């Protein structure tokens, strides 16, 4: 019995030592044979199913067919081309840009408080006109809504009144509005001077270079000549001034 016991102990120790010895990794092959051809499978007929590794069936790529028959008439291009389809909506200037644009167009005249020169009346209206205070709002509203249109009209009237008053008092070489025509000259009596002055004003206020035969000049010519025939020359050009400022080509981009 003792001999059998000792024999069993020895066998257990030998087995334990054999398990503790690290097994050397198998040496990599000298070369990898890449020329072994993959087993070829017989082509599947339409409607057959392939068995995946998970035992699920998958449809053959040939089973899904595309219907190439026309089902009706269609056009790749729209019937009517819209030239404004890819044009972003226009946005108006912010208050600082608008104030500076009015001063640039009028030679320095802005919507200021008459009692405190260079104290812009746009300043107290900034929260109303969408300027963010970074407390209740952080994004500036640049939509030309009715509130903006109202205050723009309030600004255009005194600015144009002051501008036309100044144009009558300064020499001809210092005028910025009535450049091609004299303040005392009737627009209906001097059509060539009227057209030249309108062309200059449209370039100054709107950045538009119109030829004298351009149809875009017709409504402006009608405005100044009609108002001049009803009142006087200064009122006619004052109406043109206010209309230039209120026009979207002046305050939007």
C-alpha atoms as a PDB file:
ATOM      1  CA  UNK A   1       0.000   0.000   0.000  1.00  0.00           C
ATOM      2  CA  UNK A   2       2.792   2.398   0.834  1.00  0.00           C
ATOM      3  CA  UNK A   3       4.398   1.713  -2.520  1.00  0.00           C
ATOM      4  CA  UNK A   4       1.166   2.424  -4.382  1.00  0.00           C
ATOM      5  CA  UNK A   5       0.643   5.622  -2.406  1.00  0.00           C
ATOM      6  CA  UNK A   6       4.129   6.900  -3.158  1.00  0.00           C
ATOM      7  CA  UNK A   7       3.714   5.966  -6.774  1.00  0.00           C
ATOM      8  CA  UNK A   8       0.479   8.029  -6.953  1.00  0.00           C
ATOM      9  CA  UNK A   9       2.148  11.023  -5.307  1.00  0.00           C
ATOM     10  CA  UNK A  10       5.001  10.914  -7.778  1.00  0.00           C
ATOM     11  CA  UNK A  11       2.594  10.785 -10.695  1.00  0.00           C
ATOM     12  CA  UNK A  12       0.647  13.777  -9.363  1.00  0.00           C
ATOM     13  CA  UNK A  13       3.829  15.826  -8.904  1.00  0.00           C
ATOM     14  CA  UNK A  14       5.035  14.959 -12.384  1.00  0.00           C
ATOM     15  CA  UNK A  15       1.677  16.008 -13.856  1.00  0.00           C
ATOM     16  CA  UNK A  16       1.722  19.301 -11.917  1.00  0.00           C
ATOM     17  CA  UNK A  17       5.232  20.113 -13.094  1.00  0.00           C
ATOM     18  CA  UNK A  18       4.245  19.345 -16.625  1.00  0.00           C
ATOM     19  CA  UNK A  19       1.294  21.786 -16.393  1.00  0.00           C
ATOM     20  CA  UNK A  20       3.466  24.600 -14.976  1.00  0.00           C
ATOM     21  CA  UNK A  21       6.045  24.418 -17.772  1.00  0.00           C
ATOM     22  CA  UNK A  22       5.298  27.016 -20.500  1.00  0.00           C
ATOM     23  CA  UNK A  23       4.432  25.669 -23.831  1.00  0.00           C
ATOM     24  CA  UNK A  24       6.625  27.076 -26.569  1.00  0.00           C
ATOM     25  CA  UNK A  25       4.637  28.702 -29.356  1.00  0.00           C
ATOM     26  CA  UNK A  26       4.530  26.903 -32.569  1.00  0.00           C
ATOM     27  CA  UNK A  27       7.081  28.215 -34.985  1.00  0.00           C
ATOM     28  CA  UNK A  28       5.566  30.070 -37.921  1.00  0.00           C
ATOM     29  CA  UNK A  29       5.749  28.389 -41.272  1.00  0.00           C
ATOM     30  CA  UNK A  30       8.625  29.268 -43.479  1.00  0.00           C
ATOM     31  CA  UNK A  31       6.306  30.696 -46.078  1.00  0.00           C
ATOM     32  CA  UNK A  32       2.628  31.266 -46.622  1.00  0.00           C
ATOM     33  CA  UNK A  33       1.185  29.711 -49.690  1.00  0.00           C
ATOM     34  CA  UNK A  34      -1.227  32.202 -51.269  1.00  0.00           C
ATOM     35  CA  UNK A  35      -1.803  30.279 -54.409  1.00  0.00           C
ATOM     36  CA  UNK A  36      -4.293  27.923 -52.891  1.00  0.00           C
ATOM     37  CA  UNK A  37      -7.465  28.264 -54.860  1.00  0.00           C
ATOM     38  CA  UNK A  38     -10.673  28.823 -52.976  1.00  0.00           C
ATOM     39  CA  UNK A  39     -13.152  26.071 -53.353  1.00  0.00           C
ATOM     40  CA  UNK A  40     -15.541  26.786 -56.141  1.00  0.00           C
ATOM     41  CA  UNK A  41     -19.205  26.560 -55.436  1.00  0.00           C
ATOM     42  CA  UNK A  42     -21.780  25.739 -58.007  1.00  0.00           C
ATOM     43  CA  UNK A  43     -23.702  28.798 -59.177  1.00  0.00           C
ATOM     44  CA  UNK A  44     -27.007  29.267 -57.482  1.00  0.00           C
ATOM     45  CA  UNK A  45     -30.029  29.460 -59.658  1.00  0.00           C
ATOM     46  CA  UNK A  46     -32.569  32.238 -59.290  1.00  0.00           C
ATOM     47  CA  UNK A  47     -34.633  31.700 -56.182  1.00  0.00           C
ATOM     48  CA  UNK A  48     -32.038  29.635 -54.298  1.00  0.00           C
ATOM     49  CA  UNK A  49     -30.936  30.527 -50.766  1.00  0.00           C
ATOM     50  CA  UNK A  50     -27.412  30.370 -49.326  1.00  0.00           C
ATOM     51  CA  UNK A  51     -26.752  29.043 -45.819  1.00  0.00           C
ATOM     52  CA  UNK A  52     -24.683  31.473 -43.721  1.00  0.00           C
ATOM     53  CA  UNK A  53     -22.302  30.556 -40.887  1.00  0.00           C
ATOM     54  CA  UNK A  54     -25.066  31.087 -38.347  1.00  0.00           C
ATOM     55  CA  UNK A  55     -27.339  28.676 -40.086  1.00  0.00           C
ATOM     56  CA  UNK A  56     -29.595  31.413 -41.506  1.00  0.00           C
ATOM     57  CA  UNK A  57     -30.668  31.635 -45.063  1.00  0.00           C
ATOM     58  CA  UNK A  58     -29.718  34.636 -47.179  1.00  0.00           C
ATOM     59  CA  UNK A  59     -31.051  35.464 -50.576  1.00  0.00           C
ATOM     60  CA  UNK A  60     -28.771  35.298 -53.542  1.00  0.00           C
ATOM     61  CA  UNK A  61     -27.672  38.559 -55.134  1.00  0.00           C
ATOM     62  CA  UNK A  62     -29.189  37.354 -58.369  1.00  0.00           C
ATOM     63  CA  UNK A  63     -32.579  36.906 -56.794  1.00  0.00           C
ATOM     64  CA  UNK A  64     -33.228  40.669 -56.371  1.00  0.00           C
ATOM     65  CA  UNK A  65     -34.088  42.160 -59.706  1.00  0.00           C
ATOM     66  CA  UNK A  66     -34.672  45.756 -60.728  1.00  0.00           C
ATOM     67  CA  UNK A  67     -37.671  46.664 -62.787  1.00  0.00           C
ATOM     68  CA  UNK A  68     -36.271  48.648 -65.691  1.00  0.00           C
ATOM     69  CA  UNK A  69     -39.570  49.126 -67.453  1.00  0.00           C
ATOM     70  CA  UNK A  70     -40.870  52.703 -67.554  1.00  0.00           C
ATOM     71  CA  UNK A  71     -43.952  53.278 -65.437  1.00  0.00           C
ATOM     72  CA  UNK A  72     -44.767  56.750 -66.765  1.00  0.00           C
ATOM     73  CA  UNK A  73     -43.404  59.959 -68.225  1.00  0.00           C
ATOM     74  CA  UNK A  74     -41.185  62.069 -66.018  1.00  0.00           C
ATOM     75  CA  UNK A  75     -38.667  64.892 -66.382  1.00  0.00           C
ATOM     76  CA  UNK A  76     -35.378  65.338 -64.573  1.00  0.00           C
ATOM     77  CA  UNK A  77     -35.703  69.134 -64.634  1.00  0.00           C
ATOM     78  CA  UNK A  78     -38.618  71.143 -63.200  1.00  0.00           C
ATOM     79  CA  UNK A  79     -41.195  72.371 -65.633  1.00  0.00           C
ATOM     80  CA  UNK A  80     -40.614  75.997 -64.674  1.00  0.00           C
ATOM     81  CA  UNK A  81     -37.163  77.251 -63.757  1.00  0.00           C
ATOM     82  CA  UNK A  82     -37.111  79.468 -60.708  1.00  0.00           C
ATOM     83  CA  UNK A  83     -34.051  81.785 -60.831  1.00  0.00           C
ATOM     84  CA  UNK A  84     -34.451  82.531 -57.098  1.00  0.00           C
ATOM     85  CA  UNK A  85     -34.549  78.894 -56.013  1.00  0.00           C
ATOM     86  CA  UNK A  86     -30.957  78.901 -54.744  1.00  0.00           C
ATOM     87  CA  UNK A  87     -30.739  82.516 -53.588  1.00  0.00           C
ATOM     88  CA  UNK A  88     -30.693  83.154 -49.857  1.00  0.00           C
ATOM     89  CA  UNK A  89     -33.342  85.467 -48.381  1.00  0.00           C
ATOM     90  CA  UNK A  90     -32.283  89.091 -48.147  1.00  0.00           C
ATOM     91  CA  UNK A  91     -31.287  90.476 -44.762  1.00  0.00           C
ATOM     92  CA  UNK A  92     -31.262  94.047 -43.599  1.00  0.00           C
ATOM     93  CA  UNK A  93     -28.383  95.992 -42.158  1.00  0.00           C
ATOM     94  CA  UNK A  94     -27.965  96.170 -38.442  1.00  0.00           C
ATOM     95  CA  UNK A  95     -28.509  99.505 -36.710  1.00  0.00           C
ATOM     96  CA  UNK A  96     -24.866 100.573 -36.763  1.00  0.00           C
ATOM     97  CA  UNK A  97     -24.527  99.745 -40.449  1.00  0.00           C
ATOM     98  CA  UNK A  98     -27.775 101.540 -41.281  1.00  0.00           C
ATOM     99  CA  UNK A  99     -26.773 104.667 -39.390  1.00  0.00           C
ATOM    100  CA  UNK A 100     -23.410 104.751 -41.156  1.00  0.00           C
ATOM    101  CA  UNK A 101     -24.973 104.080 -44.578  1.00  0.00           C
ATOM    102  CA  UNK A 102     -27.330 107.055 -44.182  1.00  0.00           C
ATOM    103  CA  UNK A 103     -24.433 109.319 -43.204  1.00  0.00           C
ATOM    104  CA  UNK A 104     -22.314 108.102 -46.120  1.00  0.00           C
ATOM    105  CA  UNK A 105     -25.090 108.691 -48.640  1.00  0.00           C
ATOM    106  CA  UNK A 106     -26.064 112.130 -47.339  1.00  0.00           C
ATOM    107  CA  UNK A 107     -22.588 113.491 -46.740  1.00  0.00           C
ATOM    108  CA  UNK A 108     -22.634 113.137 -42.950  1.00  0.00           C
ATOM    109  CA  UNK A 109     -26.266 113.842 -42.069  1.00  0.00           C
ATOM    110  CA  UNK A 110     -27.829 111.273 -39.764  1.00  0.00           C
ATOM    111  CA  UNK A 111     -30.904 110.791 -37.639  1.00  0.00           C
ATOM    112  CA  UNK A 112     -29.639 112.823 -34.707  1.00  0.00           C
ATOM    113  CA  UNK A 113     -31.327 114.684 -31.896  1.00  0.00           C
ATOM    114  CA  UNK A 114     -31.447 118.365 -32.912  1.00  0.00           C
ATOM    115  CA  UNK A 115     -30.606 119.499 -29.380  1.00  0.00           C
ATOM    116  CA  UNK A 116     -27.579 117.186 -29.064  1.00  0.00           C
ATOM    117  CA  UNK A 117     -25.716 116.861 -32.367  1.00  0.00           C
ATOM    118  CA  UNK A 118     -24.196 113.475 -33.186  1.00  0.00           C
ATOM    119  CA  UNK A 119     -26.446 111.888 -30.579  1.00  0.00           C
ATOM    120  CA  UNK A 120     -28.099 109.285 -32.760  1.00  0.00           C
ATOM    121  CA  UNK A 121     -31.776 108.605 -32.190  1.00  0.00           C
ATOM    122  CA  UNK A 122     -31.124 105.006 -33.196  1.00  0.00           C
ATOM    123  CA  UNK A 123     -29.413 104.375 -29.842  1.00  0.00           C
ATOM    124  CA  UNK A 124     -32.526 104.176 -27.591  1.00  0.00           C
ATOM    125  CA  UNK A 125     -34.263 102.045 -30.250  1.00  0.00           C
ATOM    126  CA  UNK A 126     -31.614  99.356 -30.361  1.00  0.00           C
ATOM    127  CA  UNK A 127     -33.468  96.841 -28.109  1.00  0.00           C
ATOM    128  CA  UNK A 128     -36.705  97.446 -30.035  1.00  0.00           C
ATOM    129  CA  UNK A 129     -35.002  96.872 -33.379  1.00  0.00           C
ATOM    130  CA  UNK A 130     -33.510  93.526 -32.435  1.00  0.00           C
ATOM    131  CA  UNK A 131     -30.065  94.449 -31.109  1.00  0.00           C
ATOM    132  CA  UNK A 132     -29.181  91.778 -28.482  1.00  0.00           C
ATOM    133  CA  UNK A 133     -28.559  92.867 -24.901  1.00  0.00           C
ATOM    134  CA  UNK A 134     -26.911  89.482 -24.079  1.00  0.00           C
ATOM    135  CA  UNK A 135     -29.228  89.168 -21.087  1.00  0.00           C
ATOM    136  CA  UNK A 136     -32.594  88.399 -22.615  1.00  0.00           C
ATOM    137  CA  UNK A 137     -31.327  87.821 -26.158  1.00  0.00           C
ATOM    138  CA  UNK A 138     -28.011  86.927 -27.777  1.00  0.00           C
ATOM    139  CA  UNK A 139     -29.009  86.806 -31.452  1.00  0.00           C
ATOM    140  CA  UNK A 140     -29.665  89.945 -33.488  1.00  0.00           C
ATOM    141  CA  UNK A 141     -32.943  90.091 -35.382  1.00  0.00           C
ATOM    142  CA  UNK A 142     -32.249  91.306 -38.927  1.00  0.00           C
ATOM    143  CA  UNK A 143     -35.711  90.843 -40.400  1.00  0.00           C
ATOM    144  CA  UNK A 144     -37.146  93.983 -42.058  1.00  0.00           C
ATOM    145  CA  UNK A 145     -40.400  93.815 -40.094  1.00  0.00           C
ATOM    146  CA  UNK A 146     -43.035  96.524 -39.762  1.00  0.00           C
ATOM    147  CA  UNK A 147     -41.408  98.010 -36.654  1.00  0.00           C
ATOM    148  CA  UNK A 148     -38.176  98.492 -38.560  1.00  0.00           C
ATOM    149  CA  UNK A 149     -40.013 100.020 -41.524  1.00  0.00           C
ATOM    150  CA  UNK A 150     -41.813 102.446 -39.223  1.00  0.00           C
ATOM    151  CA  UNK A 151     -38.658 103.792 -37.581  1.00  0.00           C
ATOM    152  CA  UNK A 152     -36.825 103.897 -40.904  1.00  0.00           C
ATOM    153  CA  UNK A 153     -39.571 106.159 -42.255  1.00  0.00           C
ATOM    154  CA  UNK A 154     -39.296 108.293 -39.117  1.00  0.00           C
ATOM    155  CA  UNK A 155     -35.577 108.668 -39.798  1.00  0.00           C
ATOM    156  CA  UNK A 156     -35.867 109.341 -43.540  1.00  0.00           C
ATOM    157  CA  UNK A 157     -38.111 112.401 -43.180  1.00  0.00           C
ATOM    158  CA  UNK A 158     -35.860 114.609 -40.976  1.00  0.00           C
ATOM    159  CA  UNK A 159     -32.712 113.419 -42.741  1.00  0.00           C
ATOM    160  CA  UNK A 160     -34.053 114.366 -46.167  1.00  0.00           C
ATOM    161  CA  UNK A 161     -35.435 117.677 -44.884  1.00  0.00           C
ATOM    162  CA  UNK A 162     -32.034 118.636 -43.515  1.00  0.00           C
ATOM    163  CA  UNK A 163     -30.242 117.384 -46.612  1.00  0.00           C
ATOM    164  CA  UNK A 164     -32.368 119.373 -49.086  1.00  0.00           C
ATOM    165  CA  UNK A 165     -32.110 122.451 -46.900  1.00  0.00           C
ATOM    166  CA  UNK A 166     -28.350 122.135 -46.943  1.00  0.00           C
ATOM    167  CA  UNK A 167     -28.283 121.564 -50.705  1.00  0.00           C
ATOM    168  CA  UNK A 168     -29.869 124.976 -51.231  1.00  0.00           C
ATOM    169  CA  UNK A 169     -27.298 126.758 -49.059  1.00  0.00           C
ATOM    170  CA  UNK A 170     -23.969 125.296 -50.167  1.00  0.00           C
ATOM    171  CA  UNK A 171     -22.138 125.982 -53.453  1.00  0.00           C
ATOM    172  CA  UNK A 172     -22.638 123.671 -56.396  1.00  0.00           C
ATOM    173  CA  UNK A 173     -19.256 121.949 -55.938  1.00  0.00           C
ATOM    174  CA  UNK A 174     -20.155 120.992 -52.348  1.00  0.00           C
ATOM    175  CA  UNK A 175     -23.545 119.452 -53.062  1.00  0.00           C
ATOM    176  CA  UNK A 176     -23.945 115.675 -52.702  1.00  0.00           C
ATOM    177  CA  UNK A 177     -27.586 115.217 -53.712  1.00  0.00           C
ATOM    178  CA  UNK A 178     -28.372 117.786 -56.423  1.00  0.00           C
ATOM    179  CA  UNK A 179     -25.163 117.399 -58.363  1.00  0.00           C
ATOM    180  CA  UNK A 180     -26.301 117.331 -61.988  1.00  0.00           C
ATOM    181  CA  UNK A 181     -29.195 119.777 -61.595  1.00  0.00           C
ATOM    182  CA  UNK A 182     -29.680 123.046 -59.747  1.00  0.00           C
ATOM    183  CA  UNK A 183     -32.220 123.188 -56.875  1.00  0.00           C
ATOM    184  CA  UNK A 184     -34.172 125.894 -58.714  1.00  0.00           C
ATOM    185  CA  UNK A 185     -34.389 124.014 -62.024  1.00  0.00           C
ATOM    186  CA  UNK A 186     -37.649 122.242 -62.787  1.00  0.00           C
ATOM    187  CA  UNK A 187     -37.152 118.493 -63.425  1.00  0.00           C
ATOM    188  CA  UNK A 188     -39.797 118.611 -66.169  1.00  0.00           C
ATOM    189  CA  UNK A 189     -38.000 121.449 -67.964  1.00  0.00           C
ATOM    190  CA  UNK A 190     -34.581 119.771 -67.838  1.00  0.00           C
ATOM    191  CA  UNK A 191     -35.125 116.060 -68.527  1.00  0.00           C
ATOM    192  CA  UNK A 192     -31.472 115.348 -69.358  1.00  0.00           C
ATOM    193  CA  UNK A 193     -30.236 116.906 -66.122  1.00  0.00           C
ATOM    194  CA  UNK A 194     -32.976 115.089 -64.227  1.00  0.00           C
ATOM    195  CA  UNK A 195     -31.934 111.710 -65.655  1.00  0.00           C
ATOM    196  CA  UNK A 196     -28.266 112.395 -64.947  1.00  0.00           C
ATOM    197  CA  UNK A 197     -29.030 113.329 -61.349  1.00  0.00           C
ATOM    198  CA  UNK A 198     -31.206 110.238 -60.871  1.00  0.00           C
ATOM    199  CA  UNK A 199     -28.446 108.020 -62.256  1.00  0.00           C
ATOM    200  CA  UNK A 200     -26.008 109.553 -59.797  1.00  0.00           C
ATOM    201  CA  UNK A 201     -28.390 109.115 -56.861  1.00  0.00           C
ATOM    202  CA  UNK A 202     -29.143 105.476 -57.653  1.00  0.00           C
ATOM    203  CA  UNK A 203     -25.435 104.751 -57.750  1.00  0.00           C
ATOM    204  CA  UNK A 204     -24.819 106.660 -54.509  1.00  0.00           C
ATOM    205  CA  UNK A 205     -27.699 105.189 -52.491  1.00  0.00           C
ATOM    206  CA  UNK A 206     -28.216 101.731 -54.077  1.00  0.00           C
ATOM    207  CA  UNK A 207     -25.007 100.993 -55.942  1.00  0.00           C
ATOM    208  CA  UNK A 208     -26.951 100.553 -59.198  1.00  0.00           C
ATOM    209  CA  UNK A 209     -25.471 101.776 -62.473  1.00  0.00           C
ATOM    210  CA  UNK A 210     -28.446 102.270 -64.789  1.00  0.00           C
ATOM    211  CA  UNK A 211     -28.268 103.468 -68.368  1.00  0.00           C
ATOM    212  CA  UNK A 212     -30.531 106.329 -69.307  1.00  0.00           C
ATOM    213  CA  UNK A 213     -32.620 103.932 -71.430  1.00  0.00           C
ATOM    214  CA  UNK A 214     -32.948 101.333 -68.661  1.00  0.00           C
ATOM    215  CA  UNK A 215     -36.572 100.619 -67.658  1.00  0.00           C
ATOM    216  CA  UNK A 216     -35.517 100.678 -63.998  1.00  0.00           C
ATOM    217  CA  UNK A 217     -35.076 104.443 -64.290  1.00  0.00           C
ATOM    218  CA  UNK A 218     -38.699 105.003 -65.396  1.00  0.00           C
ATOM    219  CA  UNK A 219     -40.422 104.943 -61.938  1.00  0.00           C
ATOM    220  CA  UNK A 220     -37.841 107.305 -60.460  1.00  0.00           C
ATOM    221  CA  UNK A 221     -38.240 109.707 -63.366  1.00  0.00           C
ATOM    222  CA  UNK A 222     -42.005 109.582 -62.960  1.00  0.00           C
ATOM    223  CA  UNK A 223     -41.765 110.241 -59.210  1.00  0.00           C
ATOM    224  CA  UNK A 224     -39.674 113.393 -59.445  1.00  0.00           C
ATOM    225  CA  UNK A 225     -41.523 114.858 -62.409  1.00  0.00           C
ATOM    226  CA  UNK A 226     -44.990 114.140 -61.011  1.00  0.00           C
ATOM    227  CA  UNK A 227     -44.302 115.569 -57.549  1.00  0.00           C
ATOM    228  CA  UNK A 228     -42.623 118.604 -59.114  1.00  0.00           C
ATOM    229  CA  UNK A 229     -45.704 119.259 -61.247  1.00  0.00           C
ATOM    230  CA  UNK A 230     -47.930 119.081 -58.152  1.00  0.00           C
ATOM    231  CA  UNK A 231     -45.831 121.056 -55.624  1.00  0.00           C
ATOM    232  CA  UNK A 232     -42.306 122.387 -56.200  1.00  0.00           C
ATOM    233  CA  UNK A 233     -38.821 121.235 -57.074  1.00  0.00           C
ATOM    234  CA  UNK A 234     -37.503 120.827 -53.525  1.00  0.00           C
ATOM    235  CA  UNK A 235     -40.481 118.703 -52.469  1.00  0.00           C
ATOM    236  CA  UNK A 236     -39.938 116.514 -55.520  1.00  0.00           C
ATOM    237  CA  UNK A 237     -36.316 115.804 -54.687  1.00  0.00           C
ATOM    238  CA  UNK A 238     -37.197 115.401 -51.011  1.00  0.00           C
ATOM    239  CA  UNK A 239     -39.631 112.650 -52.012  1.00  0.00           C
ATOM    240  CA  UNK A 240     -36.907 111.005 -54.078  1.00  0.00           C
ATOM    241  CA  UNK A 241     -34.539 111.143 -51.089  1.00  0.00           C
ATOM    242  CA  UNK A 242     -36.997 109.483 -48.723  1.00  0.00           C
ATOM    243  CA  UNK A 243     -37.887 106.826 -51.292  1.00  0.00           C
ATOM    244  CA  UNK A 244     -34.220 106.016 -51.855  1.00  0.00           C
ATOM    245  CA  UNK A 245     -33.720 105.391 -48.129  1.00  0.00           C
ATOM    246  CA  UNK A 246     -36.914 103.355 -47.750  1.00  0.00           C
ATOM    247  CA  UNK A 247     -36.124 101.185 -50.765  1.00  0.00           C
ATOM    248  CA  UNK A 248     -34.911  97.611 -49.953  1.00  0.00           C
ATOM    249  CA  UNK A 249     -31.862  98.124 -52.179  1.00  0.00           C
ATOM    250  CA  UNK A 250     -30.621 100.654 -49.626  1.00  0.00           C
ATOM    251  CA  UNK A 251     -30.985  98.813 -46.314  1.00  0.00           C
ATOM    252  CA  UNK A 252     -30.812  95.154 -47.351  1.00  0.00           C
ATOM    253  CA  UNK A 253     -28.241  92.882 -48.903  1.00  0.00           C
END
